[in-house]
Protein backbone atom coordinates (compact mmCIF):
# COMPACT_ATOMS: atom_id res chain seq x y z
CA UNK A 1 8.44 60.14 11.62
CA UNK A 2 5.00 60.97 12.84
CA UNK A 3 2.94 58.63 14.68
CA UNK A 4 0.32 58.69 11.88
CA UNK A 5 2.84 57.19 9.56
CA UNK A 6 4.17 54.51 12.03
CA UNK A 7 0.79 53.00 12.76
CA UNK A 8 0.24 51.61 9.19
CA UNK A 9 3.72 50.27 9.15
CA UNK A 10 3.21 48.49 12.40
CA UNK A 11 0.04 47.08 11.29
CA UNK A 12 1.59 45.79 8.18
CA UNK A 13 4.41 44.26 10.17
CA UNK A 14 1.99 42.84 12.84
CA UNK A 15 -0.26 41.04 10.08
CA UNK A 16 2.96 39.79 8.39
CA UNK A 17 4.15 38.30 11.75
CA UNK A 18 0.85 36.79 12.30
CA UNK A 19 0.72 35.17 8.84
CA UNK A 20 4.18 33.93 9.45
CA UNK A 21 3.22 32.32 12.76
CA UNK A 22 0.18 30.77 11.07
CA UNK A 23 2.30 29.36 8.16
CA UNK A 24 5.02 28.08 10.74
CA UNK A 25 2.15 26.37 12.82
CA UNK A 26 0.68 24.78 9.64
CA UNK A 27 4.29 23.55 8.67
CA UNK A 28 4.58 21.97 12.21
CA UNK A 29 1.24 20.36 11.93
CA UNK A 30 2.24 18.90 8.53
CA UNK A 31 5.40 17.73 9.97
CA UNK A 32 4.39 16.33 13.35
CA UNK A 33 0.81 15.05 12.61
CA UNK A 34 1.56 13.87 9.11
CA UNK A 35 0.64 10.21 9.71
CA UNK A 36 -2.87 11.55 11.10
CA UNK A 37 -3.61 13.05 7.66
CA UNK A 38 -2.19 10.20 5.71
CA UNK A 39 -3.52 7.05 7.27
CA UNK A 40 -7.33 6.44 7.69
CA UNK A 41 -7.45 3.11 9.47
CA UNK A 42 -10.99 1.43 9.31
CA UNK A 43 -11.85 -0.60 12.37
CA UNK A 44 -15.12 -2.47 11.28
CA UNK A 45 -14.65 -5.70 9.34
CA UNK A 46 -17.89 -5.98 7.41
CA UNK A 47 -17.17 -9.19 5.40
CA UNK A 48 -15.08 -12.42 5.87
CA UNK A 49 -14.13 -15.18 3.75
CA UNK A 50 -17.23 -16.89 5.07
CA UNK A 51 -19.32 -14.40 3.29
CA UNK A 52 -18.15 -16.02 -0.12
CA UNK A 53 -18.48 -19.58 1.30
CA UNK A 54 -14.72 -20.05 2.02
CA UNK A 55 -13.04 -21.91 4.75
CA UNK A 56 -10.55 -19.96 6.48
CA UNK A 57 -8.30 -19.79 9.61
CA UNK A 58 -8.36 -16.54 11.77
CA UNK A 59 -4.79 -15.72 12.50
CA UNK A 60 -3.21 -13.45 15.33
CA UNK A 61 0.24 -12.65 15.04
CA UNK A 62 2.10 -10.82 17.96
CA UNK A 63 4.57 -8.27 16.79
CA UNK A 64 7.95 -8.57 18.48
CA UNK A 65 8.98 -6.03 21.21
CA UNK A 66 12.00 -5.07 19.20
CA UNK A 67 9.99 -3.31 16.78
CA UNK A 68 8.83 0.34 17.22
CA UNK A 69 5.86 -0.67 19.36
CA UNK A 70 4.19 -3.91 20.38
CA UNK A 71 0.85 -5.06 19.19
CA UNK A 72 -0.70 -7.99 17.13
CA UNK A 73 -1.72 -8.55 13.57
CA UNK A 74 -5.04 -10.06 12.78
CA UNK A 75 -5.38 -11.92 9.47
CA UNK A 76 -7.00 -14.73 7.38
CA UNK A 77 -5.26 -17.80 5.98
CA UNK A 78 -7.43 -18.96 3.16
CA UNK A 79 -6.29 -22.23 1.87
CA UNK A 80 -6.57 -23.30 -1.83
CA UNK A 81 -8.11 -26.59 -2.90
CA UNK A 82 -4.85 -28.28 -3.57
CA UNK A 83 -2.60 -28.21 -0.34
CA UNK A 84 0.60 -27.51 -2.44
CA UNK A 85 -0.76 -24.59 -4.32
CA UNK A 86 1.27 -21.17 -4.65
CA UNK A 87 0.48 -18.64 -2.14
CA UNK A 88 -0.33 -14.90 -2.22
CA UNK A 89 0.92 -12.56 0.67
CA UNK A 90 -1.73 -9.87 0.36
CA UNK A 91 -1.29 -6.17 1.28
CA UNK A 92 -4.42 -4.15 1.44
CA UNK A 93 -4.65 -0.27 0.86
CA UNK A 94 -5.44 2.72 2.98
CA UNK A 95 -8.85 3.58 4.45
CA UNK A 96 -10.14 -0.08 4.42
CA UNK A 97 -9.14 -3.33 6.21
CA UNK A 98 -9.26 -7.02 5.19
CA UNK A 99 -13.06 -7.15 5.16
CA UNK A 100 -13.20 -4.89 2.20
CA UNK A 101 -10.79 -7.31 0.46
CA UNK A 102 -12.47 -10.55 1.12
CA UNK A 103 -13.93 -10.54 -2.51
CA UNK A 104 -10.59 -10.08 -4.09
CA UNK A 105 -9.15 -12.81 -1.75
CA UNK A 106 -11.97 -15.05 -3.05
CA UNK A 107 -11.09 -14.16 -6.62
CA UNK A 108 -7.44 -15.05 -6.11
CA UNK A 109 -8.23 -18.37 -4.61
CA UNK A 110 -10.59 -19.19 -7.56
CA UNK A 111 -7.37 -18.62 -9.67
CA UNK A 112 -5.76 -21.52 -7.60
CA UNK A 113 -3.90 -19.55 -4.96
CA UNK A 114 -3.91 -19.89 -1.07
CA UNK A 115 -4.05 -16.38 0.34
CA UNK A 116 -2.84 -14.57 3.43
CA UNK A 117 -4.18 -11.31 4.01
CA UNK A 118 -3.78 -9.47 7.23
CA UNK A 119 -4.44 -5.99 8.81
CA UNK A 120 -1.65 -3.62 9.68
CA UNK A 121 -1.47 -2.33 13.27
CA UNK A 122 -4.33 0.13 13.81
CA UNK A 123 -6.56 -1.32 11.09
CA UNK A 124 -9.45 -3.74 11.58
CA UNK A 125 -8.91 -6.10 14.55
CA UNK A 126 -5.21 -5.62 14.80
CA UNK A 127 -3.90 -3.97 17.96
CA UNK A 128 -1.03 -1.58 18.42
CA UNK A 129 -0.21 2.07 17.86
CA UNK A 130 -1.56 4.35 15.09
CA UNK A 131 0.06 3.37 11.74
CA UNK A 132 3.29 4.94 10.33
CA UNK A 133 5.37 4.10 7.29
CA UNK A 134 8.00 2.24 9.29
CA UNK A 135 5.31 0.42 11.31
CA UNK A 136 3.66 -0.77 8.15
CA UNK A 137 6.92 -2.17 6.84
CA UNK A 138 7.44 -3.98 10.01
CA UNK A 139 4.05 -5.46 9.90
CA UNK A 140 4.81 -6.69 6.41
CA UNK A 141 7.93 -8.40 7.60
CA UNK A 142 6.00 -10.10 10.26
CA UNK A 143 3.48 -11.36 7.84
CA UNK A 144 6.41 -12.44 5.48
CA UNK A 145 8.03 -14.43 8.50
CA UNK A 146 4.56 -16.08 9.24
CA UNK A 147 4.12 -17.54 5.74
CA UNK A 148 7.64 -18.51 5.06
CA UNK A 149 8.45 -19.94 8.49
CA UNK A 150 5.45 -20.92 10.28
CA UNK A 151 3.66 -21.97 6.99
CA UNK A 152 6.73 -23.12 5.54
CA UNK A 153 5.93 -21.69 2.14
CA UNK A 154 8.92 -21.74 -0.26
CA UNK A 155 9.72 -18.15 -1.42
CA UNK A 156 9.61 -19.27 -5.08
CA UNK A 157 5.98 -20.48 -4.51
CA UNK A 158 5.05 -17.23 -2.91
CA UNK A 159 3.82 -14.04 -4.76
CA UNK A 160 3.42 -10.64 -3.19
CA UNK A 161 0.23 -8.64 -4.08
CA UNK A 162 -0.52 -5.05 -3.03
CA UNK A 163 -3.22 -2.70 -3.84
CA UNK A 164 -2.94 1.12 -3.59
CA UNK A 165 -0.86 1.97 -0.51
CA UNK A 166 -0.41 -1.75 -0.01
CA UNK A 167 1.41 -1.68 -3.33
CA UNK A 168 4.08 0.50 -2.01
CA UNK A 169 4.40 -1.80 0.97
CA UNK A 170 4.54 -4.74 -1.46
CA UNK A 171 7.40 -2.89 -3.39
CA UNK A 172 9.35 -2.38 -0.07
CA UNK A 173 8.96 -5.98 1.06
CA UNK A 174 9.89 -7.50 -2.42
CA UNK A 175 13.07 -5.24 -2.40
CA UNK A 176 14.30 -7.16 0.61
CA UNK A 177 13.31 -10.65 -0.58
CA UNK A 178 14.58 -11.15 -4.01
CA UNK A 179 13.89 -14.83 -3.42
CA UNK A 180 10.25 -14.24 -3.71
CA UNK A 181 8.50 -15.74 -6.94
CA UNK A 182 7.12 -12.48 -8.12
CA UNK A 183 5.40 -9.23 -7.35
CA UNK A 184 1.86 -7.77 -8.33
CA UNK A 185 1.26 -4.01 -7.79
CA UNK A 186 -2.18 -2.83 -8.41
CA UNK A 187 -3.59 0.75 -8.51
CA UNK A 188 -0.39 2.27 -6.79
CA UNK A 189 1.62 5.52 -6.94
CA UNK A 190 5.11 6.51 -7.54
CA UNK A 191 5.49 8.35 -4.07
CA UNK A 192 3.67 10.22 -1.47
CA UNK A 193 5.51 13.41 -2.61
CA UNK A 194 4.19 13.12 -6.12
CA UNK A 195 0.75 12.53 -4.78
CA UNK A 196 0.97 15.60 -2.61
CA UNK A 197 1.68 17.54 -5.89
CA UNK A 198 -1.86 16.81 -6.93
CA UNK A 199 -3.35 18.71 -3.94
CA UNK A 200 -3.93 22.47 -4.52
CA UNK A 201 -2.49 23.77 -1.41
CA UNK A 202 0.68 21.68 -1.55
CA UNK A 203 2.81 24.12 -3.72
CA UNK A 204 2.62 26.55 -0.66
CA UNK A 205 4.61 24.33 1.43
CA UNK A 206 8.16 22.79 1.24
CA UNK A 207 6.77 19.21 1.13
CA UNK A 208 9.97 17.54 0.19
CA UNK A 209 11.47 19.01 3.50
CA UNK A 210 8.34 18.27 5.52
CA UNK A 211 7.51 14.66 4.39
CA UNK A 212 8.36 11.95 6.94
CA UNK A 213 6.10 9.35 5.31
CA UNK A 214 7.51 9.08 1.87
CA UNK A 215 6.63 5.56 0.46
CA UNK A 216 9.08 6.23 -2.49
CA UNK A 217 8.23 3.35 -4.66
CA UNK A 218 9.85 5.05 -7.70
CA UNK A 219 13.32 4.88 -6.17
CA UNK A 220 13.07 1.26 -5.27
CA UNK A 221 11.53 -0.09 -8.32
CA UNK A 222 14.73 -0.03 -10.54
CA UNK A 223 16.43 -2.35 -7.72
CA UNK A 224 13.87 -5.05 -8.02
CA UNK A 225 15.42 -8.32 -8.81
CA UNK A 226 12.14 -10.31 -9.51
CA UNK A 227 9.23 -10.37 -12.16
CA UNK A 228 6.74 -7.58 -11.50
CA UNK A 229 3.24 -7.00 -12.97
CA UNK A 230 1.78 -3.39 -12.65
CA UNK A 231 -2.07 -3.29 -12.93
CA UNK A 232 -4.13 -0.01 -13.06
CA UNK A 233 -7.40 1.28 -14.21
CA UNK A 234 -7.42 4.09 -16.75
CA UNK A 235 -10.36 5.69 -15.07
CA UNK A 236 -8.89 5.78 -11.59
CA UNK A 237 -9.88 8.97 -9.88
CA UNK A 238 -7.70 8.46 -6.78
CA UNK A 239 -4.41 7.57 -8.22
CA UNK A 240 -3.68 8.39 -11.97
CA UNK A 241 -2.70 5.26 -13.96
CA UNK A 242 0.16 7.27 -15.36
CA UNK A 243 1.96 6.58 -12.08
CA UNK A 244 1.99 2.89 -12.73
CA UNK A 245 3.35 3.62 -16.28
CA UNK A 246 6.16 5.54 -14.70
CA UNK A 247 6.99 2.86 -12.33
CA UNK A 248 6.78 0.24 -14.96
CA UNK A 249 9.26 2.38 -17.24
CA UNK A 250 11.91 2.22 -14.57
CA UNK A 251 11.44 -1.48 -13.55
CA UNK A 252 13.86 -4.11 -14.97
CA UNK A 253 12.92 -6.94 -16.91
CA UNK A 254 10.96 -9.24 -16.57
CA UNK A 255 7.98 -6.94 -16.36
CA UNK A 256 4.41 -6.44 -17.46
CA UNK A 257 1.77 -3.54 -17.56
CA UNK A 258 -1.97 -4.30 -17.51
CA UNK A 259 -4.14 -1.25 -18.17
CA UNK A 260 -7.81 -1.69 -17.65
CA UNK A 261 -10.11 0.58 -19.63
CA UNK A 262 -12.88 2.08 -17.52
CA UNK A 263 -11.29 0.56 -14.30
CA UNK A 264 -11.51 2.88 -11.23
CA UNK A 265 -9.42 2.69 -8.11
CA UNK A 266 -10.93 -0.23 -6.49
CA UNK A 267 -12.79 -2.14 -9.27
CA UNK A 268 -10.28 -3.39 -11.88
CA UNK A 269 -11.06 -6.96 -11.61
CA UNK A 270 -14.80 -6.28 -12.07
CA UNK A 271 -14.36 -3.68 -15.04
CA UNK A 272 -11.67 -5.71 -16.62
CA UNK A 273 -13.34 -9.13 -16.36
CA UNK A 274 -11.36 -11.66 -18.60
CA UNK A 275 -8.76 -9.21 -19.51
CA UNK A 276 -7.93 -8.61 -15.83
CA UNK A 277 -8.23 -12.51 -14.95
CA UNK A 278 -6.13 -13.63 -17.92
CA UNK A 279 -3.39 -11.11 -17.68
CA UNK A 280 -3.10 -11.85 -13.93
CA UNK A 281 -3.04 -15.65 -14.53
CA UNK A 282 -0.61 -15.24 -17.62
CA UNK A 283 1.83 -13.60 -15.38
CA UNK A 284 1.62 -15.78 -12.36
CA UNK A 285 1.66 -18.95 -14.40
CA UNK A 286 4.81 -17.91 -16.21
CA UNK A 287 6.77 -16.71 -13.08
CA UNK A 288 6.00 -19.83 -11.11
CA UNK A 289 6.83 -21.98 -14.00
CA UNK A 290 10.24 -20.14 -14.29
CA UNK A 291 10.99 -20.22 -10.63
């Protein structure tokens, strides 16, 4: 074969090899640096309960050395007017910290609850390594221990609430604590795998093989042994409300689904008004009465 014929063939093979290398590097980045693409911890706490005229106690919880890495969790204990009031353990979403959730915590207190909300390691004023799925689950268990042991809140008087990514953490935590009074999941997803399928470039990669941070709520919901309320805005541009419908469809009874017309990802309570508040209160009143 002449050199003139070999050169184009070698060029094609060279380009193919280069593209393969680029593809493998991209796959490696997706696998090993996945948490950097998924988590967006926000360090600046812009509001506190004091912004809303609330008394609160700032809490710092050391994370035990037996977990993946040490650190401490910074949070707020916001007591209700009544000392024996039920308690909400609050898991916030990604890209924010407890400061962005102070208004919702105030709203929950107005409904008669004491609230404990905290930042995962790497978020807000909490210390420790960069977040991962496993670390967030560990942090949730540390918060559970604080509320049930240090604060001595009876699990049946405790409700777990999670928003967005926090909803997946709430589902994981509730799956290990069937003794809890109930679960509220707002604006959350079925799994990270399903979320990646909404990204244009995802079909070009074997995401099911590459994903290490899975947050697979859909597989956990059928095993829940507690009452659960799913809330979602029908105008959510971040996570489609159909994902809450899907989670609801596989959840065992007792369960409720509250859809908020015109509700976006972070404003269901504002857009829903009485629909949101009455739906929330109706659910919590019933589960606390039945517990």
